[in-house]
Structures are given as structure tokens and as C-alpha cells.
């Protein structure tokens, strides 16, 4: 009897451990792996350019100064790129907020025991996402008015 009780407690502890390890793995380990992969890819790119540069120096070939600038230079974003990023973020956050609101409302109406308090709890994140989306739409509209001259120059 004691053996059976000990085994069932061990299974409960193991089950709880697995339940807590999965979120830790997703929220901690996965982002760390992604960051290490990006850093490794950038380092590999710099190492390859260094190798090409050393071979050129050994052979006495003339080096292009633009080659060195590309290593540390980050792509400059234009005004149009920034505005499109705001518009994309606005569409995505607003769309997710509206979709979540519709799905949670339908789910709670179809469910047998309709509870308005549960609907309110589910609609709060939806309202936050919709508000963030509207804020990005406002930033896009103001930026479009403010940078109209620069946008006209880019299109010309």
C-alpha cells in the first residue's frame, strides 16, 4: 500500500514538473536559441568577409573601401518604410483584437451557461489590442501628413 502511494505521488510530482517545464522551454529556451542562431549567422558573415579580405591582402589585390563599410552598416530605413511598418502593425493588432472579440463573444453565446462577467474578462485584452491598433493608425496618419514632402520626393 505504501509503495503504491509513493508511486502515485511520484507520478503527480513528475506530471507537475512536465507541466512547468514546457512553458519554461517555450518562453526561455526557444528565444535564447533564436538569438544565438542570429548572432552565429552574423558572426559567420563577418568571418567570411574577413577571410576574403585576408586572401585579397595576401594576393596584393586592391581593396574596395565600400567592402569595409558593409560589415558595420545597417540598412537605413526610409520614411516610407517606417510608415508602412506603422500601418502593418496597426492592421495586425486591430485585426487580432477584433477577431478575438468576435470569437470570444460567439464562444460565450454558444456556450450553455452564458456569463457576462466572463465576456468582460475576455474582452479586456481585445479592447487593449484594438486601442493599440488605433494608436498606430493615428501615428501613421500623422506621419503621412508630416512627411508628405519627403514621401513625394521618394515617389518622384
N, C-alpha and C. Protein backbone atom coordinates (compact mmCIF):
# COMPACT_ATOMS: atom_id res chain seq x y z
N UNK A 1 0.83 -1.19 0.00
CA UNK A 1 0.00 0.00 0.00
C UNK A 1 0.87 1.25 0.00
N UNK A 2 1.91 1.29 0.81
CA UNK A 2 2.79 2.44 0.88
C UNK A 2 3.54 2.62 -0.44
N UNK A 3 3.92 1.50 -1.04
CA UNK A 3 4.61 1.55 -2.32
C UNK A 3 3.73 2.19 -3.40
N UNK A 4 2.47 1.81 -3.43
CA UNK A 4 1.53 2.35 -4.40
C UNK A 4 1.32 3.85 -4.18
N UNK A 5 1.21 4.26 -2.93
CA UNK A 5 1.04 5.67 -2.60
C UNK A 5 2.26 6.47 -3.01
N UNK A 6 3.45 5.92 -2.77
CA UNK A 6 4.68 6.59 -3.14
C UNK A 6 4.78 6.74 -4.65
N UNK A 7 4.39 5.70 -5.39
CA UNK A 7 4.43 5.77 -6.85
C UNK A 7 3.44 6.79 -7.38
N UNK A 8 2.25 6.88 -6.80
CA UNK A 8 1.27 7.84 -7.29
C UNK A 8 1.71 9.27 -6.98
N UNK A 9 2.33 9.50 -5.82
CA UNK A 9 2.85 10.83 -5.50
C UNK A 9 3.99 11.20 -6.44
N UNK A 10 4.84 10.23 -6.75
CA UNK A 10 5.93 10.48 -7.68
C UNK A 10 5.38 10.83 -9.06
N UNK A 11 4.31 10.18 -9.46
CA UNK A 11 3.71 10.48 -10.77
C UNK A 11 3.11 11.88 -10.77
N UNK A 12 2.50 12.29 -9.67
CA UNK A 12 1.93 13.64 -9.58
C UNK A 12 3.05 14.68 -9.63
N UNK A 13 4.14 14.42 -8.94
CA UNK A 13 5.28 15.35 -8.97
C UNK A 13 5.86 15.42 -10.37
N UNK A 14 6.02 14.26 -11.02
CA UNK A 14 6.56 14.23 -12.37
C UNK A 14 5.62 14.96 -13.34
N UNK A 15 4.32 14.76 -13.18
CA UNK A 15 3.35 15.42 -14.05
C UNK A 15 3.41 16.93 -13.86
N UNK A 16 3.54 17.38 -12.61
CA UNK A 16 3.67 18.81 -12.34
C UNK A 16 4.95 19.38 -12.88
N UNK A 17 6.01 18.60 -12.84
CA UNK A 17 7.30 19.03 -13.37
C UNK A 17 7.23 19.21 -14.88
N UNK A 18 6.60 18.26 -15.55
CA UNK A 18 6.46 18.36 -17.00
C UNK A 18 5.59 19.56 -17.37
N UNK A 19 4.52 19.77 -16.60
CA UNK A 19 3.65 20.91 -16.87
C UNK A 19 4.36 22.24 -16.71
N UNK A 20 5.32 22.31 -15.83
CA UNK A 20 6.05 23.57 -15.65
C UNK A 20 7.25 23.69 -16.58
N UNK A 21 7.81 22.59 -17.03
CA UNK A 21 8.96 22.65 -17.93
C UNK A 21 8.60 23.07 -19.35
N UNK A 22 7.42 22.72 -19.80
CA UNK A 22 7.01 23.07 -21.16
C UNK A 22 6.93 24.59 -21.34
N UNK A 23 6.24 25.33 -20.47
CA UNK A 23 6.24 26.79 -20.64
C UNK A 23 7.62 27.41 -20.48
N UNK A 24 8.42 26.87 -19.57
CA UNK A 24 9.78 27.40 -19.41
C UNK A 24 10.58 27.17 -20.69
N UNK A 25 10.43 26.00 -21.28
CA UNK A 25 11.13 25.72 -22.53
C UNK A 25 10.69 26.64 -23.66
N UNK A 26 9.41 26.91 -23.73
CA UNK A 26 8.90 27.76 -24.81
C UNK A 26 9.26 29.22 -24.57
N UNK A 27 9.12 29.69 -23.34
CA UNK A 27 9.32 31.11 -23.05
C UNK A 27 10.77 31.50 -22.80
N UNK A 28 11.62 30.56 -22.42
CA UNK A 28 13.01 30.90 -22.10
C UNK A 28 13.99 30.30 -23.11
N UNK A 29 13.91 29.00 -23.30
CA UNK A 29 14.91 28.32 -24.11
C UNK A 29 14.76 28.66 -25.60
N UNK A 30 13.54 28.67 -26.11
CA UNK A 30 13.33 28.94 -27.53
C UNK A 30 13.83 30.33 -27.94
N UNK A 31 13.52 31.41 -27.20
CA UNK A 31 14.10 32.71 -27.58
C UNK A 31 15.62 32.74 -27.50
N UNK A 32 16.19 32.06 -26.50
CA UNK A 32 17.65 32.02 -26.41
C UNK A 32 18.27 31.31 -27.61
N UNK A 33 17.65 30.25 -28.05
CA UNK A 33 18.14 29.54 -29.23
C UNK A 33 18.05 30.43 -30.47
N UNK A 34 16.95 31.14 -30.61
CA UNK A 34 16.79 32.02 -31.78
C UNK A 34 17.83 33.13 -31.78
N UNK A 35 18.07 33.75 -30.62
CA UNK A 35 19.06 34.81 -30.54
C UNK A 35 20.45 34.27 -30.85
N UNK A 36 20.77 33.10 -30.32
CA UNK A 36 22.09 32.53 -30.59
C UNK A 36 22.26 32.19 -32.08
N UNK A 37 21.20 31.75 -32.73
CA UNK A 37 21.29 31.47 -34.17
C UNK A 37 21.53 32.74 -34.97
N UNK A 38 20.87 33.82 -34.61
CA UNK A 38 21.06 35.09 -35.33
C UNK A 38 22.47 35.61 -35.11
N UNK A 39 22.94 35.56 -33.88
CA UNK A 39 24.30 36.03 -33.59
C UNK A 39 25.33 35.18 -34.32
N UNK A 40 25.09 33.89 -34.35
CA UNK A 40 26.01 32.98 -35.04
C UNK A 40 26.04 33.25 -36.54
N UNK A 41 24.88 33.54 -37.14
CA UNK A 41 24.84 33.83 -38.57
C UNK A 41 25.58 35.13 -38.89
N UNK A 42 25.42 36.15 -38.04
CA UNK A 42 26.14 37.41 -38.27
C UNK A 42 27.65 37.21 -38.12
N UNK A 43 28.03 36.44 -37.12
CA UNK A 43 29.46 36.18 -36.91
C UNK A 43 30.04 35.42 -38.11
N UNK A 44 29.28 34.48 -38.63
CA UNK A 44 29.73 33.72 -39.79
C UNK A 44 29.92 34.64 -41.00
N UNK A 45 29.01 35.59 -41.16
CA UNK A 45 29.11 36.54 -42.28
C UNK A 45 30.37 37.39 -42.15
N UNK A 46 30.64 37.88 -40.95
CA UNK A 46 31.84 38.69 -40.72
C UNK A 46 33.10 37.86 -40.92
N UNK A 47 33.09 36.62 -40.46
CA UNK A 47 34.25 35.74 -40.65
C UNK A 47 34.53 35.48 -42.12
N UNK A 48 33.48 35.28 -42.91
CA UNK A 48 33.67 35.06 -44.35
C UNK A 48 34.25 36.30 -45.02
N UNK A 49 33.75 37.47 -44.64
CA UNK A 49 34.29 38.71 -45.24
C UNK A 49 35.74 38.92 -44.83
N UNK A 50 36.06 38.57 -43.59
CA UNK A 50 37.44 38.69 -43.13
C UNK A 50 38.35 37.74 -43.90
N UNK A 51 37.86 36.55 -44.15
CA UNK A 51 38.65 35.58 -44.91
C UNK A 51 38.91 36.08 -46.34
N UNK A 52 37.88 36.63 -46.97
CA UNK A 52 38.05 37.17 -48.33
C UNK A 52 39.04 38.33 -48.31
N UNK A 53 38.94 39.18 -47.29
CA UNK A 53 39.84 40.33 -47.18
C UNK A 53 41.28 39.88 -46.99
N UNK A 54 41.51 38.87 -46.16
CA UNK A 54 42.88 38.38 -45.94
C UNK A 54 43.46 37.77 -47.21
N UNK A 55 42.65 37.05 -47.97
CA UNK A 55 43.14 36.49 -49.24
C UNK A 55 43.50 37.59 -50.21
N UNK A 56 42.68 38.67 -50.23
CA UNK A 56 42.97 39.79 -51.13
C UNK A 56 44.27 40.49 -50.73
N UNK A 57 44.50 40.62 -49.44
CA UNK A 57 45.75 41.25 -48.96
C UNK A 57 46.94 40.38 -49.31
N UNK A 58 46.81 39.06 -49.15
CA UNK A 58 47.91 38.14 -49.47
C UNK A 58 48.26 38.19 -50.96
N UNK A 59 47.23 38.32 -51.79
CA UNK A 59 47.46 38.34 -53.24
C UNK A 59 47.85 39.72 -53.74
N UNK A 60 47.77 40.74 -52.90
CA UNK A 60 48.15 42.09 -53.30
C UNK A 60 47.05 42.78 -54.11
N UNK A 61 45.86 42.32 -54.00
CA UNK A 61 44.75 42.91 -54.74
C UNK A 61 44.30 44.19 -54.04
N UNK A 62 43.84 45.15 -54.84
CA UNK A 62 43.33 46.41 -54.31
C UNK A 62 41.99 46.16 -53.61
N UNK A 63 41.81 46.71 -52.41
CA UNK A 63 40.59 46.52 -51.64
C UNK A 63 39.64 47.69 -51.84
N UNK A 64 38.37 47.37 -51.97
CA UNK A 64 37.34 48.39 -52.13
C UNK A 64 36.92 48.90 -50.75
N UNK A 65 36.93 50.23 -50.52
CA UNK A 65 36.55 50.76 -49.21
C UNK A 65 35.09 50.46 -48.86
N UNK A 66 34.24 50.32 -49.84
CA UNK A 66 32.82 50.02 -49.57
C UNK A 66 32.66 48.64 -48.93
N UNK A 67 33.63 47.77 -49.19
CA UNK A 67 33.59 46.42 -48.61
C UNK A 67 33.64 46.48 -47.09
N UNK A 68 34.44 47.42 -46.54
CA UNK A 68 34.55 47.55 -45.09
C UNK A 68 33.31 48.19 -44.48
N UNK A 69 32.68 49.08 -45.20
CA UNK A 69 31.51 49.78 -44.68
C UNK A 69 30.31 48.85 -44.56
N UNK A 70 30.23 47.86 -45.43
CA UNK A 70 29.09 46.96 -45.40
C UNK A 70 29.05 46.09 -44.15
N UNK A 71 30.19 45.87 -43.51
CA UNK A 71 30.23 45.00 -42.33
C UNK A 71 29.45 45.62 -41.18
N UNK A 72 29.67 46.88 -40.90
CA UNK A 72 29.03 47.52 -39.75
C UNK A 72 27.82 48.36 -40.11
N UNK A 73 27.56 48.53 -41.38
CA UNK A 73 26.46 49.40 -41.79
C UNK A 73 25.15 48.64 -41.74
N UNK A 74 24.20 49.23 -41.07
CA UNK A 74 22.86 48.67 -41.02
C UNK A 74 22.01 49.36 -42.07
N UNK A 75 21.09 48.65 -42.65
CA UNK A 75 20.27 49.23 -43.71
C UNK A 75 19.43 50.37 -43.14
N UNK A 76 19.56 51.52 -43.76
CA UNK A 76 18.80 52.68 -43.32
C UNK A 76 17.37 52.56 -43.83
N UNK A 77 16.43 52.77 -42.93
CA UNK A 77 15.02 52.70 -43.31
C UNK A 77 14.56 54.07 -43.78
N UNK A 78 13.82 54.08 -44.87
CA UNK A 78 13.30 55.33 -45.39
C UNK A 78 12.03 55.70 -44.62
N UNK A 79 11.55 56.90 -44.87
CA UNK A 79 10.32 57.36 -44.24
C UNK A 79 9.16 56.47 -44.65
N UNK A 80 9.15 56.08 -45.90
CA UNK A 80 8.07 55.23 -46.40
C UNK A 80 8.09 53.86 -45.70
N UNK A 81 9.28 53.31 -45.49
CA UNK A 81 9.40 52.03 -44.78
C UNK A 81 8.88 52.13 -43.35
N UNK A 82 9.22 53.24 -42.67
CA UNK A 82 8.75 53.43 -41.30
C UNK A 82 7.23 53.55 -41.25
N UNK A 83 6.66 54.32 -42.18
CA UNK A 83 5.21 54.47 -42.21
C UNK A 83 4.51 53.15 -42.52
N UNK A 84 5.08 52.38 -43.43
CA UNK A 84 4.46 51.09 -43.74
C UNK A 84 4.56 50.12 -42.56
N UNK A 85 5.62 50.23 -41.77
CA UNK A 85 5.74 49.41 -40.57
C UNK A 85 4.65 49.78 -39.56
N UNK A 86 4.39 51.09 -39.41
CA UNK A 86 3.30 51.52 -38.52
C UNK A 86 1.95 51.01 -39.02
N UNK A 87 1.73 51.11 -40.32
CA UNK A 87 0.45 50.67 -40.88
C UNK A 87 0.28 49.16 -40.73
N UNK A 88 1.34 48.42 -40.96
CA UNK A 88 1.27 46.96 -40.81
C UNK A 88 0.98 46.58 -39.36
N UNK A 89 1.67 47.22 -38.42
CA UNK A 89 1.43 46.95 -37.00
C UNK A 89 0.00 47.30 -36.62
N UNK A 90 -0.50 48.41 -37.14
CA UNK A 90 -1.87 48.82 -36.84
C UNK A 90 -2.88 47.80 -37.35
N UNK A 91 -2.68 47.34 -38.57
CA UNK A 91 -3.61 46.36 -39.14
C UNK A 91 -3.57 45.04 -38.37
N UNK A 92 -2.39 44.59 -38.03
CA UNK A 92 -2.26 43.31 -37.34
C UNK A 92 -2.87 43.37 -35.94
N UNK A 93 -2.53 44.39 -35.16
CA UNK A 93 -3.06 44.45 -33.79
C UNK A 93 -4.56 44.68 -33.78
N UNK A 94 -5.05 45.54 -34.65
CA UNK A 94 -6.50 45.77 -34.71
C UNK A 94 -7.22 44.51 -35.17
N UNK A 95 -6.68 43.86 -36.17
CA UNK A 95 -7.31 42.64 -36.67
C UNK A 95 -7.36 41.53 -35.63
N UNK A 96 -6.27 41.35 -34.91
CA UNK A 96 -6.26 40.32 -33.86
C UNK A 96 -7.26 40.68 -32.76
N UNK A 97 -7.32 41.96 -32.39
CA UNK A 97 -8.26 42.39 -31.36
C UNK A 97 -9.70 42.16 -31.76
N UNK A 98 -10.06 42.53 -32.99
CA UNK A 98 -11.43 42.33 -33.47
C UNK A 98 -11.75 40.84 -33.59
N UNK A 99 -10.82 40.08 -34.13
CA UNK A 99 -11.04 38.64 -34.27
C UNK A 99 -11.21 37.97 -32.91
N UNK A 100 -10.39 38.33 -31.94
CA UNK A 100 -10.54 37.77 -30.60
C UNK A 100 -11.88 38.15 -29.98
N UNK A 101 -12.32 39.38 -30.20
CA UNK A 101 -13.59 39.83 -29.64
C UNK A 101 -14.75 39.05 -30.24
N UNK A 102 -14.72 38.86 -31.56
CA UNK A 102 -15.80 38.12 -32.22
C UNK A 102 -15.82 36.67 -31.78
N UNK A 103 -14.65 36.03 -31.75
CA UNK A 103 -14.59 34.62 -31.39
C UNK A 103 -15.00 34.41 -29.93
N UNK A 104 -14.52 35.26 -29.02
CA UNK A 104 -14.89 35.08 -27.61
C UNK A 104 -16.36 35.37 -27.39
N UNK A 105 -16.94 36.33 -28.10
CA UNK A 105 -18.37 36.60 -27.96
C UNK A 105 -19.19 35.42 -28.47
N UNK A 106 -18.84 34.91 -29.64
CA UNK A 106 -19.57 33.76 -30.19
C UNK A 106 -19.42 32.55 -29.27
N UNK A 107 -18.22 32.32 -28.76
CA UNK A 107 -17.98 31.19 -27.88
C UNK A 107 -18.84 31.27 -26.63
N UNK A 108 -18.90 32.45 -26.04
CA UNK A 108 -19.68 32.58 -24.80
C UNK A 108 -21.18 32.56 -25.04
N UNK A 109 -21.65 33.00 -26.21
CA UNK A 109 -23.08 32.95 -26.52
C UNK A 109 -23.50 31.52 -26.82
N UNK A 110 -22.67 30.78 -27.55
CA UNK A 110 -23.00 29.40 -27.90
C UNK A 110 -22.94 28.49 -26.67
N UNK A 111 -22.06 28.81 -25.75
CA UNK A 111 -21.91 28.00 -24.54
C UNK A 111 -23.22 28.03 -23.74
N UNK A 112 -23.52 26.94 -23.07
CA UNK A 112 -24.80 26.81 -22.36
C UNK A 112 -24.96 27.80 -21.22
N UNK A 113 -23.93 27.94 -20.41
CA UNK A 113 -24.06 28.84 -19.26
C UNK A 113 -23.42 30.19 -19.58
N UNK A 114 -24.21 31.08 -20.16
CA UNK A 114 -23.74 32.41 -20.56
C UNK A 114 -23.48 33.24 -19.32
N UNK A 115 -22.27 33.83 -19.24
CA UNK A 115 -21.87 34.62 -18.08
C UNK A 115 -21.30 35.95 -18.57
N UNK A 116 -21.99 37.06 -18.33
CA UNK A 116 -21.49 38.37 -18.80
C UNK A 116 -20.14 38.76 -18.18
N UNK A 117 -19.87 38.30 -16.97
CA UNK A 117 -18.57 38.62 -16.34
C UNK A 117 -17.43 37.96 -17.11
N UNK A 118 -17.66 36.74 -17.58
CA UNK A 118 -16.62 36.05 -18.36
C UNK A 118 -16.39 36.77 -19.68
N UNK A 119 -17.47 37.28 -20.28
CA UNK A 119 -17.34 38.04 -21.53
C UNK A 119 -16.51 39.29 -21.31
N UNK A 120 -16.73 39.96 -20.18
CA UNK A 120 -15.96 41.16 -19.87
C UNK A 120 -14.48 40.83 -19.70
N UNK A 121 -14.18 39.74 -19.01
CA UNK A 121 -12.78 39.35 -18.81
C UNK A 121 -12.11 39.01 -20.14
N UNK A 122 -12.84 38.38 -21.05
CA UNK A 122 -12.27 38.04 -22.35
C UNK A 122 -12.16 39.25 -23.27
N UNK A 123 -13.00 40.25 -23.08
CA UNK A 123 -12.98 41.40 -23.98
C UNK A 123 -11.95 42.46 -23.58
N UNK A 124 -11.42 42.40 -22.37
CA UNK A 124 -10.41 43.39 -21.96
C UNK A 124 -9.15 43.31 -22.81
N UNK A 125 -8.56 42.12 -23.04
CA UNK A 125 -7.38 42.07 -23.93
C UNK A 125 -7.73 42.49 -25.36
N UNK A 126 -8.95 42.19 -25.79
CA UNK A 126 -9.38 42.60 -27.13
C UNK A 126 -9.42 44.12 -27.23
N UNK A 127 -9.96 44.77 -26.21
CA UNK A 127 -10.03 46.23 -26.21
C UNK A 127 -8.63 46.85 -26.20
N UNK A 128 -7.71 46.23 -25.47
CA UNK A 128 -6.33 46.74 -25.43
C UNK A 128 -5.69 46.63 -26.81
N UNK A 129 -5.85 45.49 -27.47
CA UNK A 129 -5.27 45.31 -28.81
C UNK A 129 -5.89 46.28 -29.81
N UNK A 130 -7.18 46.46 -29.74
CA UNK A 130 -7.84 47.40 -30.66
C UNK A 130 -7.36 48.83 -30.40
N UNK A 131 -7.19 49.21 -29.12
CA UNK A 131 -6.69 50.55 -28.80
C UNK A 131 -5.27 50.76 -29.30
N UNK A 132 -4.43 49.75 -29.17
CA UNK A 132 -3.06 49.85 -29.68
C UNK A 132 -3.07 49.98 -31.20
N UNK A 133 -3.93 49.21 -31.86
CA UNK A 133 -4.05 49.32 -33.31
C UNK A 133 -4.51 50.69 -33.76
N UNK A 134 -5.49 51.25 -33.06
CA UNK A 134 -5.97 52.59 -33.39
C UNK A 134 -4.85 53.62 -33.18
N UNK A 135 -4.07 53.45 -32.12
CA UNK A 135 -2.95 54.36 -31.87
C UNK A 135 -1.94 54.30 -33.01
N UNK A 136 -1.66 53.11 -33.52
CA UNK A 136 -0.73 53.01 -34.65
C UNK A 136 -1.33 53.60 -35.93
N UNK A 137 -2.65 53.48 -36.11
CA UNK A 137 -3.30 54.13 -37.25
C UNK A 137 -3.15 55.65 -37.15
N UNK A 138 -3.30 56.18 -35.94
CA UNK A 138 -3.15 57.63 -35.74
C UNK A 138 -1.71 58.06 -36.02
N UNK A 139 -0.74 57.28 -35.54
CA UNK A 139 0.67 57.59 -35.80
C UNK A 139 0.94 57.57 -37.30
N UNK A 140 0.37 56.59 -38.01
CA UNK A 140 0.54 56.50 -39.46
C UNK A 140 -0.04 57.73 -40.15
N UNK A 141 -1.25 58.13 -39.76
CA UNK A 141 -1.91 59.28 -40.40
C UNK A 141 -1.14 60.57 -40.14
N UNK A 142 -0.71 60.77 -38.90
CA UNK A 142 0.05 61.98 -38.58
C UNK A 142 1.40 61.98 -39.30
N UNK A 143 2.06 60.82 -39.33
CA UNK A 143 3.34 60.72 -40.03
C UNK A 143 3.19 60.96 -41.53
N UNK A 144 2.10 60.50 -42.10
CA UNK A 144 1.88 60.70 -43.53
C UNK A 144 1.69 62.18 -43.84
N UNK A 145 0.97 62.89 -42.96
CA UNK A 145 0.79 64.34 -43.15
C UNK A 145 2.10 65.08 -42.93
N UNK A 146 2.83 64.68 -41.89
CA UNK A 146 4.07 65.38 -41.54
C UNK A 146 5.14 65.18 -42.59
N UNK A 147 5.26 63.99 -43.11
CA UNK A 147 6.32 63.67 -44.06
C UNK A 147 5.83 63.63 -45.50
N UNK A 148 4.80 64.38 -45.81
CA UNK A 148 4.24 64.37 -47.17
C UNK A 148 5.28 64.82 -48.19
N UNK A 149 6.08 65.84 -47.84
CA UNK A 149 7.09 66.34 -48.77
C UNK A 149 8.15 65.28 -49.05
N UNK A 150 8.62 64.59 -48.01
CA UNK A 150 9.63 63.56 -48.17
C UNK A 150 9.09 62.38 -48.97
N UNK A 151 7.81 62.04 -48.73
CA UNK A 151 7.20 60.94 -49.48
C UNK A 151 7.06 61.29 -50.95
N UNK A 152 6.73 62.55 -51.26
CA UNK A 152 6.62 62.98 -52.65
C UNK A 152 7.98 62.91 -53.34
N UNK A 153 9.04 63.25 -52.60
CA UNK A 153 10.39 63.17 -53.18
C UNK A 153 10.78 61.72 -53.45
N UNK A 154 10.38 60.80 -52.56
CA UNK A 154 10.71 59.40 -52.76
C UNK A 154 9.97 58.82 -53.96
N UNK A 155 8.73 59.23 -54.15
CA UNK A 155 7.94 58.70 -55.26
C UNK A 155 8.39 59.28 -56.59
N UNK A 156 8.97 60.47 -56.57
CA UNK A 156 9.39 61.11 -57.84
C UNK A 156 10.68 60.55 -58.37
